[in-house]
C-alpha atoms as a PDB file:
ATOM      1  CA  MET A   1     170.587  64.899  82.042  1.00  0.00           C
ATOM      2  CA  SER A   2     167.895  62.855  83.776  1.00  0.00           C
ATOM      3  CA  ALA A   3     164.330  64.138  83.871  1.00  0.00           C
ATOM      4  CA  PHE A   4     164.131  62.655  87.382  1.00  0.00           C
ATOM      5  CA  ARG A   5     165.779  65.650  89.039  1.00  0.00           C
ATOM      6  CA  HIS A   6     163.565  65.850  92.121  1.00  0.00           C
ATOM      7  CA  ARG A   7     164.150  63.752  95.190  1.00  0.00           C
ATOM      8  CA  LEU A   8     161.038  63.264  97.311  1.00  0.00           C
ATOM      9  CA  ALA A   9     160.585  62.148 100.889  1.00  0.00           C
ATOM     10  CA  LEU A  10     156.955  61.093 101.413  1.00  0.00           C
ATOM     11  CA  ILE A  11     155.434  59.984 104.731  1.00  0.00           C
ATOM     12  CA  LEU A  12     151.904  58.824 105.603  1.00  0.00           C
ATOM     13  CA  ARG A  13     150.195  57.725 108.817  1.00  0.00           C
ATOM     14  CA  ALA A  14     150.196  53.937 109.169  1.00  0.00           C
ATOM     15  CA  ASP A  15     146.416  53.700 108.815  1.00  0.00           C
ATOM     16  CA  LEU A  16     146.701  55.287 105.353  1.00  0.00           C
ATOM     17  CA  GLN A  17     149.504  53.065 104.027  1.00  0.00           C
ATOM     18  CA  GLU A  18     147.208  50.856 101.935  1.00  0.00           C
ATOM     19  CA  ALA A  19     145.366  53.826 100.411  1.00  0.00           C
ATOM     20  CA  GLY A  20     148.675  55.565  99.658  1.00  0.00           C
ATOM     21  CA  ASN A  21     149.998  52.453  97.928  1.00  0.00           C
ATOM     22  CA  LYS A  22     146.797  52.126  95.877  1.00  0.00           C
ATOM     23  CA  ILE A  23     147.055  55.770  94.823  1.00  0.00           C
ATOM     24  CA  ALA A  24     150.641  55.204  93.666  1.00  0.00           C
ATOM     25  CA  CYS A  25     149.454  52.224  91.603  1.00  0.00           C
ATOM     26  CA  ALA A  26     146.481  54.130  90.153  1.00  0.00           C
ATOM     27  CA  LEU A  27     148.784  56.950  89.041  1.00  0.00           C
ATOM     28  CA  GLY A  28     151.189  54.483  87.417  1.00  0.00           C
ATOM     29  CA  TYR A  29     154.074  55.052  89.841  1.00  0.00           C
ATOM     30  CA  ASP A  30     153.941  51.581  91.390  1.00  0.00           C
ATOM     31  CA  VAL A  31     152.708  48.128  90.407  1.00  0.00           C
ATOM     32  CA  TRP A  32     150.003  46.178  92.183  1.00  0.00           C
ATOM     33  CA  PRO A  33     149.805  45.461  95.085  1.00  0.00           C
ATOM     34  CA  GLY A  34     151.948  48.511  95.767  1.00  0.00           C
ATOM     35  CA  LYS A  35     154.880  48.892  98.098  1.00  0.00           C
ATOM     36  CA  THR A  36     155.543  52.609  97.750  1.00  0.00           C
ATOM     37  CA  TYR A  37     155.111  53.395 101.439  1.00  0.00           C
ATOM     38  CA  SER A  38     157.315  50.635 102.803  1.00  0.00           C
ATOM     39  CA  VAL A  39     159.703  52.277 105.286  1.00  0.00           C
ATOM     40  CA  PRO A  40     158.259  51.785 108.793  1.00  0.00           C
ATOM     41  CA  LEU A  41     158.559  54.736 111.179  1.00  0.00           C
ATOM     42  CA  SER A  42     157.667  55.505 114.779  1.00  0.00           C
ATOM     43  CA  GLU A  43     158.477  58.128 117.402  1.00  0.00           C
ATOM     44  CA  ASP A  44     161.060  55.948 119.126  1.00  0.00           C
ATOM     45  CA  GLY A  45     162.208  53.777 116.213  1.00  0.00           C
ATOM     46  CA  GLN A  46     160.521  50.723 117.750  1.00  0.00           C
ATOM     47  CA  GLU A  47     157.542  48.653 116.616  1.00  0.00           C
ATOM     48  CA  PRO A  48     154.717  49.206 115.991  1.00  0.00           C
ATOM     49  CA  ALA A  49     154.978  51.562 113.046  1.00  0.00           C
ATOM     50  CA  THR A  50     152.861  54.694 113.327  1.00  0.00           C
ATOM     51  CA  ALA A  51     153.787  55.889 109.830  1.00  0.00           C
ATOM     52  CA  PHE A  52     155.271  54.611 106.589  1.00  0.00           C
ATOM     53  CA  GLY A  53     157.376  56.490 104.086  1.00  0.00           C
ATOM     54  CA  CYS A  54     159.387  56.364 100.929  1.00  0.00           C
ATOM     55  CA  SER A  55     162.170  58.211  99.171  1.00  0.00           C
ATOM     56  CA  THR A  56     162.020  58.393  95.408  1.00  0.00           C
ATOM     57  CA  ALA A  57     163.375  60.172  92.380  1.00  0.00           C
ATOM     58  CA  ALA A  58     160.654  62.024  90.506  1.00  0.00           C
ATOM     59  CA  GLN A  59     159.955  64.053  87.420  1.00  0.00           C
ATOM     60  CA  GLN A  60     158.463  67.534  87.625  1.00  0.00           C
ATOM     61  CA  ALA A  61     155.102  66.136  86.441  1.00  0.00           C
ATOM     62  CA  PHE A  62     154.836  63.928  89.537  1.00  0.00           C
ATOM     63  CA  VAL A  63     155.700  66.809  91.866  1.00  0.00           C
ATOM     64  CA  ASP A  64     153.078  68.924  90.109  1.00  0.00           C
ATOM     65  CA  ALA A  65     150.476  66.135  90.453  1.00  0.00           C
ATOM     66  CA  LEU A  66     151.112  65.885  94.204  1.00  0.00           C
ATOM     67  CA  LEU A  67     150.866  69.647  94.629  1.00  0.00           C
ATOM     68  CA  ALA A  68     147.598  69.691  92.650  1.00  0.00           C
ATOM     69  CA  ALA A  69     146.251  66.835  94.776  1.00  0.00           C
ATOM     70  CA  HIS A  70     146.863  68.946  97.873  1.00  0.00           C
ATOM     71  CA  GLN A  71     144.526  71.471  96.260  1.00  0.00           C
ATOM     72  CA  GLY A  72     141.901  68.760  95.676  1.00  0.00           C
ATOM     73  CA  GLN A  73     142.673  68.426  91.971  1.00  0.00           C
ATOM     74  CA  TRP A  74     143.226  64.726  91.332  1.00  0.00           C
ATOM     75  CA  PRO A  75     143.951  63.441  87.819  1.00  0.00           C
ATOM     76  CA  ASP A  76     141.664  60.910  86.196  1.00  0.00           C
ATOM     77  CA  ALA A  77     142.606  57.428  87.391  1.00  0.00           C
ATOM     78  CA  PRO A  78     140.839  54.121  88.141  1.00  0.00           C
ATOM     79  CA  TRP A  79     140.100  55.162  91.752  1.00  0.00           C
ATOM     80  CA  GLU A  80     136.901  53.142  92.167  1.00  0.00           C
ATOM     81  CA  ALA A  81     138.411  50.031  90.553  1.00  0.00           C
ATOM     82  CA  LEU A  82     141.019  50.062  93.318  1.00  0.00           C
ATOM     83  CA  GLY A  83     138.428  50.607  96.020  1.00  0.00           C
ATOM     84  CA  LEU A  84     139.369  54.241  96.641  1.00  0.00           C
ATOM     85  CA  THR A  85     136.824  56.927  97.457  1.00  0.00           C
ATOM     86  CA  ALA A  86     137.049  60.712  97.479  1.00  0.00           C
ATOM     87  CA  ASP A  87     137.323  60.464 101.279  1.00  0.00           C
ATOM     88  CA  ASP A  88     140.384  58.183 100.891  1.00  0.00           C
ATOM     89  CA  LEU A  89     142.042  60.663  98.541  1.00  0.00           C
ATOM     90  CA  ASP A  90     141.304  63.563 100.887  1.00  0.00           C
ATOM     91  CA  ALA A  91     142.626  61.630 103.902  1.00  0.00           C
ATOM     92  CA  VAL A  92     145.891  60.828 102.137  1.00  0.00           C
ATOM     93  CA  THR A  93     146.502  64.366 100.907  1.00  0.00           C
ATOM     94  CA  GLY A  94     145.543  65.758 104.308  1.00  0.00           C
ATOM     95  CA  SER A  95     148.066  63.513 106.041  1.00  0.00           C
ATOM     96  CA  LEU A  96     150.865  63.360 103.484  1.00  0.00           C
ATOM     97  CA  ILE A  97     154.201  64.786 104.543  1.00  0.00           C
ATOM     98  CA  MET A  98     156.143  65.710 101.419  1.00  0.00           C
ATOM     99  CA  ASP A  99     159.536  67.293 101.030  1.00  0.00           C
ATOM    100  CA  ALA A 100     160.999  67.805  97.565  1.00  0.00           C
ATOM    101  CA  HIS A 101     164.600  68.614  96.755  1.00  0.00           C
ATOM    102  CA  LEU A 102     165.627  69.689  93.260  1.00  0.00           C
ATOM    103  CA  VAL A 103     168.947  67.940  92.716  1.00  0.00           C
ATOM    104  CA  GLN A 104     171.348  70.154  90.821  1.00  0.00           C
ATOM    105  CA  PRO A 105     173.665  68.733  88.135  1.00  0.00           C
ATOM    106  CA  GLY A 106     176.790  67.395  89.823  1.00  0.00           C
ATOM    107  CA  GLU A 107     175.281  67.689  93.316  1.00  0.00           C
ATOM    108  CA  ASP A 108     176.257  64.915  95.714  1.00  0.00           C
ATOM    109  CA  PHE A 109     172.827  64.423  97.300  1.00  0.00           C
ATOM    110  CA  ASP A 110     172.254  61.871 100.068  1.00  0.00           C
ATOM    111  CA  ALA A 111     168.645  60.725  99.626  1.00  0.00           C
ATOM    112  CA  SER A 112     168.738  58.527 102.726  1.00  0.00           C
ATOM    113  CA  ALA A 113     169.917  61.417 104.926  1.00  0.00           C
ATOM    114  CA  HIS A 114     167.237  63.636 103.352  1.00  0.00           C
ATOM    115  CA  PHE A 115     164.508  61.122 104.186  1.00  0.00           C
ATOM    116  CA  ASP A 116     165.771  60.690 107.758  1.00  0.00           C
ATOM    117  CA  ALA A 117     165.922  64.474 108.275  1.00  0.00           C
ATOM    118  CA  VAL A 118     162.324  64.899 107.055  1.00  0.00           C
ATOM    119  CA  ALA A 119     161.169  62.076 109.329  1.00  0.00           C
ATOM    120  CA  ALA A 120     163.050  63.565 112.298  1.00  0.00           C
ATOM    121  CA  ALA A 121     161.513  66.985 111.654  1.00  0.00           C
ATOM    122  CA  HIS A 122     158.155  65.293 112.243  1.00  0.00           C
ATOM    123  CA  GLY A 123     159.260  63.363 115.331  1.00  0.00           C
ATOM    124  CA  LEU A 124     159.770  60.054 113.532  1.00  0.00           C
ATOM    125  CA  LYS A 125     162.616  57.535 113.248  1.00  0.00           C
ATOM    126  CA  ARG A 126     163.105  54.517 111.019  1.00  0.00           C
ATOM    127  CA  ILE A 127     162.273  51.181 112.594  1.00  0.00           C
ATOM    128  CA  VAL A 128     165.344  49.048 112.057  1.00  0.00           C
ATOM    129  CA  PRO A 129     164.725  45.310 112.455  1.00  0.00           C
ATOM    130  CA  ALA A 130     166.889  43.539 114.971  1.00  0.00           C
ATOM    131  CA  SER A 131     169.724  41.542 113.491  1.00  0.00           C
ATOM    132  CA  PRO A 132     169.170  37.766 113.575  1.00  0.00           C
ATOM    133  CA  PHE A 133     172.831  37.507 114.618  1.00  0.00           C
ATOM    134  CA  GLY A 134     172.342  39.449 117.842  1.00  0.00           C
END
């Protein structure tokens, strides 16, 4: 059985995308330059993006780290080396929309539908690029 039993939908305001990506890199969940928050969102599903999100499988330790961060308890990481301040960390945790689903063994879980439902609950839709074929 996989230790990655949680499915997370994470959404940040667009102005915090870079800080969110740096945090993911600092915690070892992404590689530089970071593309964790890469799904563009807006109220009407049109440009410009007002938020960015991601959907990811996660271990319990990552869920616990995010919950601790919401309480102001950040783990040791190279924050300053990545140009992050305590204010950046507080802004991200204050803005972060997080929904976790514990996937049960044998459960047919639709991560994409989960992400879209979380976005919709916050008045957001994916921005889908126009097809070059019209």
